[in-house]
Structure formats: structure tokens, C-alpha cells
Amino acid sequence: DSIYWQGGALLVQESSPYESQYDLKGCKVGYTPGT
């Protein structure tokens, strides 16, 4: 059974202008394989 719940988080550089995934058009976004 579920022990707890969680959502996602998008990490960016402090100096970047990005505030959401919709600001990253044309950009590279990483992920951990298998997640």
C-alpha cells in the first residue's frame, strides 16, 4: 500500500529565465532512466 505521496520538481540554474517546463522550448531537459 502507499506509504506516502510526492510530486515532481523541475530544477534549473539560478541565472536562467526559466520558471516552468513551458519556458524550455528548444532546451534540453534531463531525467534519471527508469524513473
All heavy atoms as atom14 arrays in JSON, in Angstrom:
{
  "sequence": "DSIYWQGGALLVQESSPYESQYDLKGCKVGYTPGT",
  "atom14_mask": [
    [1, 1, 1, 1, 1, 1, 1, 1, 0, 0, 0, 0, 0, 0],
    [1, 1, 1, 1, 1, 1, 0, 0, 0, 0, 0, 0, 0, 0],
    [1, 1, 1, 1, 1, 1, 1, 1, 0, 0, 0, 0, 0, 0],
    [1, 1, 1, 1, 1, 1, 1, 1, 1, 1, 1, 1, 0, 0],
    [1, 1, 1, 1, 1, 1, 1, 1, 1, 1, 1, 1, 1, 1],
    [1, 1, 1, 1, 1, 1, 1, 1, 1, 0, 0, 0, 0, 0],
    [1, 1, 1, 1, 0, 0, 0, 0, 0, 0, 0, 0, 0, 0],
    [1, 1, 1, 1, 0, 0, 0, 0, 0, 0, 0, 0, 0, 0],
    [1, 1, 1, 1, 1, 0, 0, 0, 0, 0, 0, 0, 0, 0],
    [1, 1, 1, 1, 1, 1, 1, 1, 0, 0, 0, 0, 0, 0],
    [1, 1, 1, 1, 1, 1, 1, 1, 0, 0, 0, 0, 0, 0],
    [1, 1, 1, 1, 1, 1, 1, 0, 0, 0, 0, 0, 0, 0],
    [1, 1, 1, 1, 1, 1, 1, 1, 1, 0, 0, 0, 0, 0],
    [1, 1, 1, 1, 1, 1, 1, 1, 1, 0, 0, 0, 0, 0],
    [1, 1, 1, 1, 1, 1, 0, 0, 0, 0, 0, 0, 0, 0],
    [1, 1, 1, 1, 1, 1, 0, 0, 0, 0, 0, 0, 0, 0],
    [1, 1, 1, 1, 1, 1, 1, 0, 0, 0, 0, 0, 0, 0],
    [1, 1, 1, 1, 1, 1, 1, 1, 1, 1, 1, 1, 0, 0],
    [1, 1, 1, 1, 1, 1, 1, 1, 1, 0, 0, 0, 0, 0],
    [1, 1, 1, 1, 1, 1, 0, 0, 0, 0, 0, 0, 0, 0],
    [1, 1, 1, 1, 1, 1, 1, 1, 1, 0, 0, 0, 0, 0],
    [1, 1, 1, 1, 1, 1, 1, 1, 1, 1, 1, 1, 0, 0],
    [1, 1, 1, 1, 1, 1, 1, 1, 0, 0, 0, 0, 0, 0],
    [1, 1, 1, 1, 1, 1, 1, 1, 0, 0, 0, 0, 0, 0],
    [1, 1, 1, 1, 1, 1, 1, 1, 1, 0, 0, 0, 0, 0],
    [1, 1, 1, 1, 0, 0, 0, 0, 0, 0, 0, 0, 0, 0],
    [1, 1, 1, 1, 1, 1, 0, 0, 0, 0, 0, 0, 0, 0],
    [1, 1, 1, 1, 1, 1, 1, 1, 1, 0, 0, 0, 0, 0],
    [1, 1, 1, 1, 1, 1, 1, 0, 0, 0, 0, 0, 0, 0],
    [1, 1, 1, 1, 0, 0, 0, 0, 0, 0, 0, 0, 0, 0],
    [1, 1, 1, 1, 1, 1, 1, 1, 1, 1, 1, 1, 0, 0],
    [1, 1, 1, 1, 1, 1, 1, 0, 0, 0, 0, 0, 0, 0],
    [1, 1, 1, 1, 1, 1, 1, 0, 0, 0, 0, 0, 0, 0],
    [1, 1, 1, 1, 0, 0, 0, 0, 0, 0, 0, 0, 0, 0],
    [1, 1, 1, 1, 1, 1, 1, 0, 0, 0, 0, 0, 0, 0]
  ],
  "atom14_positions": [
    [[0.85, -1.18, 0.0], [0.0, 0.0, 0.0], [0.89, 1.24, 0.0], [2.08, 1.17, 0.34], [-0.89, 0.02, 1.25], [-1.97, -1.06, 1.21], [-2.24, -1.59, 0.11], [-2.51, -1.39, 2.28], [0.0, 0.0, 0.0], [0.0, 0.0, 0.0], [0.0, 0.0, 0.0], [0.0, 0.0, 0.0], [0.0, 0.0, 0.0], [0.0, 0.0, 0.0]],
    [[0.32, 2.38, -0.36], [1.09, 3.62, -0.4], [1.57, 4.0, 1.01], [0.8, 3.93, 1.97], [0.24, 4.75, -0.97], [-0.2, 4.44, -2.27], [0.0, 0.0, 0.0], [0.0, 0.0, 0.0], [0.0, 0.0, 0.0], [0.0, 0.0, 0.0], [0.0, 0.0, 0.0], [0.0, 0.0, 0.0], [0.0, 0.0, 0.0], [0.0, 0.0, 0.0]],
    [[2.83, 4.39, 1.08], [3.4, 4.81, 2.36], [3.31, 6.33, 2.49], [3.02, 6.86, 3.56], [4.87, 4.35, 2.47], [4.98, 2.84, 2.2], [5.44, 4.69, 3.84], [6.39, 2.35, 2.06], [0.0, 0.0, 0.0], [0.0, 0.0, 0.0], [0.0, 0.0, 0.0], [0.0, 0.0, 0.0], [0.0, 0.0, 0.0], [0.0, 0.0, 0.0]],
    [[3.56, 7.03, 1.39], [3.42, 8.48, 1.35], [3.27, 8.89, -0.11], [3.28, 8.05, -1.01], [4.62, 9.19, 2.01], [5.97, 8.88, 1.39], [6.49, 9.64, 0.35], [6.75, 7.82, 1.86], [7.73, 9.37, -0.21], [8.0, 7.54, 1.32], [8.48, 8.32, 0.28], [9.7, 8.04, -0.28], [0.0, 0.0, 0.0], [0.0, 0.0, 0.0]],
    [[3.09, 10.18, -0.36], [2.93, 10.64, -1.74], [3.88, 11.81, -2.01], [4.36, 12.47, -1.09], [1.48, 11.04, -2.02], [0.97, 12.21, -1.21], [0.42, 12.15, 0.03], [0.98, 13.58, -1.58], [0.08, 13.41, 0.46], [0.4, 14.31, -0.51], [1.4, 14.28, -2.71], [0.26, 15.7, -0.54], [1.25, 15.66, -2.75], [0.69, 16.35, -1.67]],
    [[4.13, 12.05, -3.3], [5.0, 13.16, -3.67], [4.74, 13.58, -5.12], [4.21, 12.81, -5.91], [6.47, 12.77, -3.54], [6.9, 11.7, -4.53], [8.37, 11.32, -4.39], [8.96, 11.41, -3.33], [8.97, 10.9, -5.49], [0.0, 0.0, 0.0], [0.0, 0.0, 0.0], [0.0, 0.0, 0.0], [0.0, 0.0, 0.0], [0.0, 0.0, 0.0]],
    [[5.13, 14.78, -5.44], [5.04, 15.28, -6.81], [6.42, 15.44, -7.4], [7.42, 14.95, -6.86], [0.0, 0.0, 0.0], [0.0, 0.0, 0.0], [0.0, 0.0, 0.0], [0.0, 0.0, 0.0], [0.0, 0.0, 0.0], [0.0, 0.0, 0.0], [0.0, 0.0, 0.0], [0.0, 0.0, 0.0], [0.0, 0.0, 0.0], [0.0, 0.0, 0.0]],
    [[6.5, 16.14, -8.51], [7.78, 16.36, -9.17], [8.34, 17.74, -8.87], [7.67, 18.59, -8.28], [0.0, 0.0, 0.0], [0.0, 0.0, 0.0], [0.0, 0.0, 0.0], [0.0, 0.0, 0.0], [0.0, 0.0, 0.0], [0.0, 0.0, 0.0], [0.0, 0.0, 0.0], [0.0, 0.0, 0.0], [0.0, 0.0, 0.0], [0.0, 0.0, 0.0]],
    [[9.58, 17.95, -9.28], [10.24, 19.24, -9.13], [11.15, 19.45, -10.34], [11.87, 18.53, -10.74], [11.04, 19.29, -7.84], [0.0, 0.0, 0.0], [0.0, 0.0, 0.0], [0.0, 0.0, 0.0], [0.0, 0.0, 0.0], [0.0, 0.0, 0.0], [0.0, 0.0, 0.0], [0.0, 0.0, 0.0], [0.0, 0.0, 0.0], [0.0, 0.0, 0.0]],
    [[11.09, 20.63, -10.91], [11.94, 20.97, -12.05], [13.06, 21.88, -11.56], [12.82, 22.99, -11.08], [11.11, 21.67, -13.13], [11.86, 22.1, -14.4], [12.44, 20.88, -15.12], [10.92, 22.88, -15.32], [0.0, 0.0, 0.0], [0.0, 0.0, 0.0], [0.0, 0.0, 0.0], [0.0, 0.0, 0.0], [0.0, 0.0, 0.0], [0.0, 0.0, 0.0]],
    [[14.28, 21.4, -11.68], [15.45, 22.14, -11.23], [16.1, 22.84, -12.42], [16.26, 22.24, -13.49], [16.45, 21.16, -10.59], [17.5, 21.7, -9.62], [16.82, 22.35, -8.41], [18.43, 20.59, -9.17], [0.0, 0.0, 0.0], [0.0, 0.0, 0.0], [0.0, 0.0, 0.0], [0.0, 0.0, 0.0], [0.0, 0.0, 0.0], [0.0, 0.0, 0.0]],
    [[16.45, 24.11, -12.23], [17.1, 24.9, -13.28], [18.24, 25.7, -12.66], [18.38, 25.76, -11.43], [16.1, 25.87, -13.97], [15.01, 25.09, -14.69], [15.48, 26.84, -12.96], [0.0, 0.0, 0.0], [0.0, 0.0, 0.0], [0.0, 0.0, 0.0], [0.0, 0.0, 0.0], [0.0, 0.0, 0.0], [0.0, 0.0, 0.0], [0.0, 0.0, 0.0]],
    [[19.06, 26.34, -13.49], [20.14, 27.18, -12.98], [19.55, 28.47, -12.4], [18.56, 29.0, -12.9], [21.13, 27.5, -14.1], [21.95, 26.32, -14.55], [23.04, 26.73, -15.56], [22.97, 27.79, -16.16], [24.03, 25.87, -15.72], [0.0, 0.0, 0.0], [0.0, 0.0, 0.0], [0.0, 0.0, 0.0], [0.0, 0.0, 0.0], [0.0, 0.0, 0.0]],
    [[20.21, 28.97, -11.36], [19.75, 30.2, -10.71], [19.67, 31.37, -11.68], [18.76, 32.2, -11.6], [20.68, 30.56, -9.54], [20.4, 29.82, -8.27], [21.3, 30.28, -7.12], [22.25, 31.06, -7.38], [21.05, 29.87, -5.98], [0.0, 0.0, 0.0], [0.0, 0.0, 0.0], [0.0, 0.0, 0.0], [0.0, 0.0, 0.0], [0.0, 0.0, 0.0]],
    [[20.61, 31.43, -12.6], [20.7, 32.57, -13.52], [19.79, 32.44, -14.74], [19.7, 33.37, -15.55], [22.14, 32.73, -14.0], [22.59, 31.54, -14.65], [0.0, 0.0, 0.0], [0.0, 0.0, 0.0], [0.0, 0.0, 0.0], [0.0, 0.0, 0.0], [0.0, 0.0, 0.0], [0.0, 0.0, 0.0], [0.0, 0.0, 0.0], [0.0, 0.0, 0.0]],
    [[19.09, 31.3, -14.85], [18.25, 31.08, -16.02], [16.93, 31.83, -15.9], [16.47, 32.11, -14.79], [17.98, 29.59, -16.21], [16.99, 29.16, -15.31], [0.0, 0.0, 0.0], [0.0, 0.0, 0.0], [0.0, 0.0, 0.0], [0.0, 0.0, 0.0], [0.0, 0.0, 0.0], [0.0, 0.0, 0.0], [0.0, 0.0, 0.0], [0.0, 0.0, 0.0]],
    [[16.27, 32.11, -17.04], [14.97, 32.8, -17.01], [13.79, 31.83, -16.89], [12.64, 32.25, -16.86], [14.94, 33.51, -18.37], [15.7, 32.59, -19.27], [16.78, 31.98, -18.42], [0.0, 0.0, 0.0], [0.0, 0.0, 0.0], [0.0, 0.0, 0.0], [0.0, 0.0, 0.0], [0.0, 0.0, 0.0], [0.0, 0.0, 0.0], [0.0, 0.0, 0.0]],
    [[14.07, 30.52, -16.81], [13.01, 29.51, -16.88], [12.25, 29.4, -15.56], [12.85, 29.27, -14.5], [13.6, 28.16, -17.25], [14.55, 28.21, -18.43], [15.84, 27.69, -18.32], [14.16, 28.78, -19.64], [16.72, 27.74, -19.39], [15.03, 28.84, -20.72], [16.31, 28.32, -20.58], [17.18, 28.38, -21.64], [0.0, 0.0, 0.0], [0.0, 0.0, 0.0]],
    [[10.91, 29.43, -15.66], [10.08, 29.29, -14.47], [9.17, 28.06, -14.53], [8.57, 27.69, -13.54], [9.25, 30.54, -14.24], [10.07, 31.77, -13.83], [10.84, 31.57, -12.53], [10.48, 30.68, -11.73], [11.81, 32.32, -12.3], [0.0, 0.0, 0.0], [0.0, 0.0, 0.0], [0.0, 0.0, 0.0], [0.0, 0.0, 0.0], [0.0, 0.0, 0.0]],
    [[9.06, 27.44, -15.7], [8.25, 26.23, -15.83], [8.73, 25.46, -17.05], [9.56, 25.95, -17.83], [6.76, 26.56, -15.96], [6.46, 26.97, -17.29], [0.0, 0.0, 0.0], [0.0, 0.0, 0.0], [0.0, 0.0, 0.0], [0.0, 0.0, 0.0], [0.0, 0.0, 0.0], [0.0, 0.0, 0.0], [0.0, 0.0, 0.0], [0.0, 0.0, 0.0]],
    [[8.17, 24.28, -17.25], [8.53, 23.49, -18.42], [8.15, 24.2, -19.71], [8.78, 23.98, -20.76], [7.88, 22.1, -18.37], [6.36, 22.09, -18.32], [5.82, 22.01, -16.91], [6.27, 22.75, -16.03], [4.86, 21.11, -16.69], [0.0, 0.0, 0.0], [0.0, 0.0, 0.0], [0.0, 0.0, 0.0], [0.0, 0.0, 0.0], [0.0, 0.0, 0.0]],
    [[7.17, 25.1, -19.63], [6.71, 25.78, -20.83], [7.63, 26.92, -21.26], [7.44, 27.51, -22.33], [5.28, 26.3, -20.61], [4.33, 25.16, -20.31], [3.87, 24.93, -19.02], [3.93, 24.28, -21.32], [3.03, 23.86, -18.73], [3.09, 23.21, -21.04], [2.65, 23.01, -19.74], [1.82, 21.95, -19.47], [0.0, 0.0, 0.0], [0.0, 0.0, 0.0]],
    [[8.66, 27.19, -20.46], [9.67, 28.18, -20.83], [10.89, 27.52, -21.47], [11.84, 28.2, -21.86], [10.15, 28.95, -19.58], [9.03, 29.75, -18.94], [8.14, 30.21, -19.68], [9.06, 29.91, -17.71], [0.0, 0.0, 0.0], [0.0, 0.0, 0.0], [0.0, 0.0, 0.0], [0.0, 0.0, 0.0], [0.0, 0.0, 0.0], [0.0, 0.0, 0.0]],
    [[10.87, 26.18, -21.6], [12.06, 25.43, -22.03], [11.99, 24.96, -23.48], [12.64, 23.99, -23.85], [12.28, 24.23, -21.1], [12.78, 24.6, -19.69], [12.53, 23.46, -18.72], [14.26, 24.96, -19.73], [0.0, 0.0, 0.0], [0.0, 0.0, 0.0], [0.0, 0.0, 0.0], [0.0, 0.0, 0.0], [0.0, 0.0, 0.0], [0.0, 0.0, 0.0]],
    [[11.22, 25.64, -24.3], [11.09, 25.27, -25.71], [12.48, 25.32, -26.37], [13.2, 26.31, -26.26], [10.13, 26.22, -26.43], [9.78, 25.78, -27.85], [8.72, 26.67, -28.44], [8.35, 26.25, -29.86], [7.71, 24.92, -29.9], [0.0, 0.0, 0.0], [0.0, 0.0, 0.0], [0.0, 0.0, 0.0], [0.0, 0.0, 0.0], [0.0, 0.0, 0.0]],
    [[12.85, 24.23, -27.03], [14.15, 24.14, -27.68], [15.29, 23.77, -26.76], [16.44, 23.64, -27.2], [0.0, 0.0, 0.0], [0.0, 0.0, 0.0], [0.0, 0.0, 0.0], [0.0, 0.0, 0.0], [0.0, 0.0, 0.0], [0.0, 0.0, 0.0], [0.0, 0.0, 0.0], [0.0, 0.0, 0.0], [0.0, 0.0, 0.0], [0.0, 0.0, 0.0]],
    [[15.0, 23.58, -25.46], [16.04, 23.29, -24.47], [16.14, 21.79, -24.17], [15.24, 21.01, -24.47], [15.76, 24.06, -23.19], [15.78, 25.85, -23.38], [0.0, 0.0, 0.0], [0.0, 0.0, 0.0], [0.0, 0.0, 0.0], [0.0, 0.0, 0.0], [0.0, 0.0, 0.0], [0.0, 0.0, 0.0], [0.0, 0.0, 0.0], [0.0, 0.0, 0.0]],
    [[17.23, 21.42, -23.49], [17.46, 20.04, -23.09], [17.05, 19.87, -21.62], [17.49, 20.64, -20.76], [18.93, 19.66, -23.24], [19.45, 19.69, -24.67], [20.92, 19.33, -24.71], [21.45, 19.33, -26.14], [22.91, 18.98, -26.18], [0.0, 0.0, 0.0], [0.0, 0.0, 0.0], [0.0, 0.0, 0.0], [0.0, 0.0, 0.0], [0.0, 0.0, 0.0]],
    [[16.23, 18.86, -21.39], [15.81, 18.56, -20.01], [16.21, 17.13, -19.68], [15.93, 16.19, -20.44], [14.29, 18.75, -19.83], [13.88, 18.36, -18.42], [13.91, 20.2, -20.11], [0.0, 0.0, 0.0], [0.0, 0.0, 0.0], [0.0, 0.0, 0.0], [0.0, 0.0, 0.0], [0.0, 0.0, 0.0], [0.0, 0.0, 0.0], [0.0, 0.0, 0.0]],
    [[16.85, 16.94, -18.54], [17.34, 15.63, -18.14], [16.38, 14.86, -17.26], [15.48, 15.44, -16.63], [0.0, 0.0, 0.0], [0.0, 0.0, 0.0], [0.0, 0.0, 0.0], [0.0, 0.0, 0.0], [0.0, 0.0, 0.0], [0.0, 0.0, 0.0], [0.0, 0.0, 0.0], [0.0, 0.0, 0.0], [0.0, 0.0, 0.0], [0.0, 0.0, 0.0]],
    [[16.59, 13.54, -17.21], [15.82, 12.65, -16.34], [16.69, 11.48, -15.94], [17.69, 11.16, -16.61], [14.55, 12.14, -17.05], [14.84, 11.33, -18.3], [15.15, 9.97, -18.22], [14.81, 11.92, -19.56], [15.44, 9.23, -19.35], [15.09, 11.19, -20.7], [15.39, 9.84, -20.6], [15.68, 9.1, -21.72], [0.0, 0.0, 0.0], [0.0, 0.0, 0.0]],
    [[16.33, 10.83, -14.86], [17.02, 9.61, -14.44], [16.35, 8.41, -15.11], [15.15, 8.21, -14.94], [16.97, 9.44, -12.92], [17.6, 10.57, -12.29], [17.66, 8.16, -12.48], [0.0, 0.0, 0.0], [0.0, 0.0, 0.0], [0.0, 0.0, 0.0], [0.0, 0.0, 0.0], [0.0, 0.0, 0.0], [0.0, 0.0, 0.0], [0.0, 0.0, 0.0]],
    [[17.09, 7.63, -15.9], [16.49, 6.49, -16.62], [15.77, 5.52, -15.68], [16.25, 5.23, -14.59], [17.7, 5.82, -17.27], [18.71, 6.9, -17.4], [18.53, 7.77, -16.19], [0.0, 0.0, 0.0], [0.0, 0.0, 0.0], [0.0, 0.0, 0.0], [0.0, 0.0, 0.0], [0.0, 0.0, 0.0], [0.0, 0.0, 0.0], [0.0, 0.0, 0.0]],
    [[14.6, 5.07, -16.12], [13.84, 4.1, -15.35], [12.87, 4.7, -14.36], [12.02, 4.0, -13.82], [0.0, 0.0, 0.0], [0.0, 0.0, 0.0], [0.0, 0.0, 0.0], [0.0, 0.0, 0.0], [0.0, 0.0, 0.0], [0.0, 0.0, 0.0], [0.0, 0.0, 0.0], [0.0, 0.0, 0.0], [0.0, 0.0, 0.0], [0.0, 0.0, 0.0]],
    [[12.96, 6.02, -14.13], [12.03, 6.67, -13.21], [10.77, 7.09, -13.96], [10.74, 7.15, -15.18], [12.65, 7.92, -12.56], [12.89, 8.9, -13.57], [13.97, 7.58, -11.88], [0.0, 0.0, 0.0], [0.0, 0.0, 0.0], [0.0, 0.0, 0.0], [0.0, 0.0, 0.0], [0.0, 0.0, 0.0], [0.0, 0.0, 0.0], [0.0, 0.0, 0.0]]
  ]
}
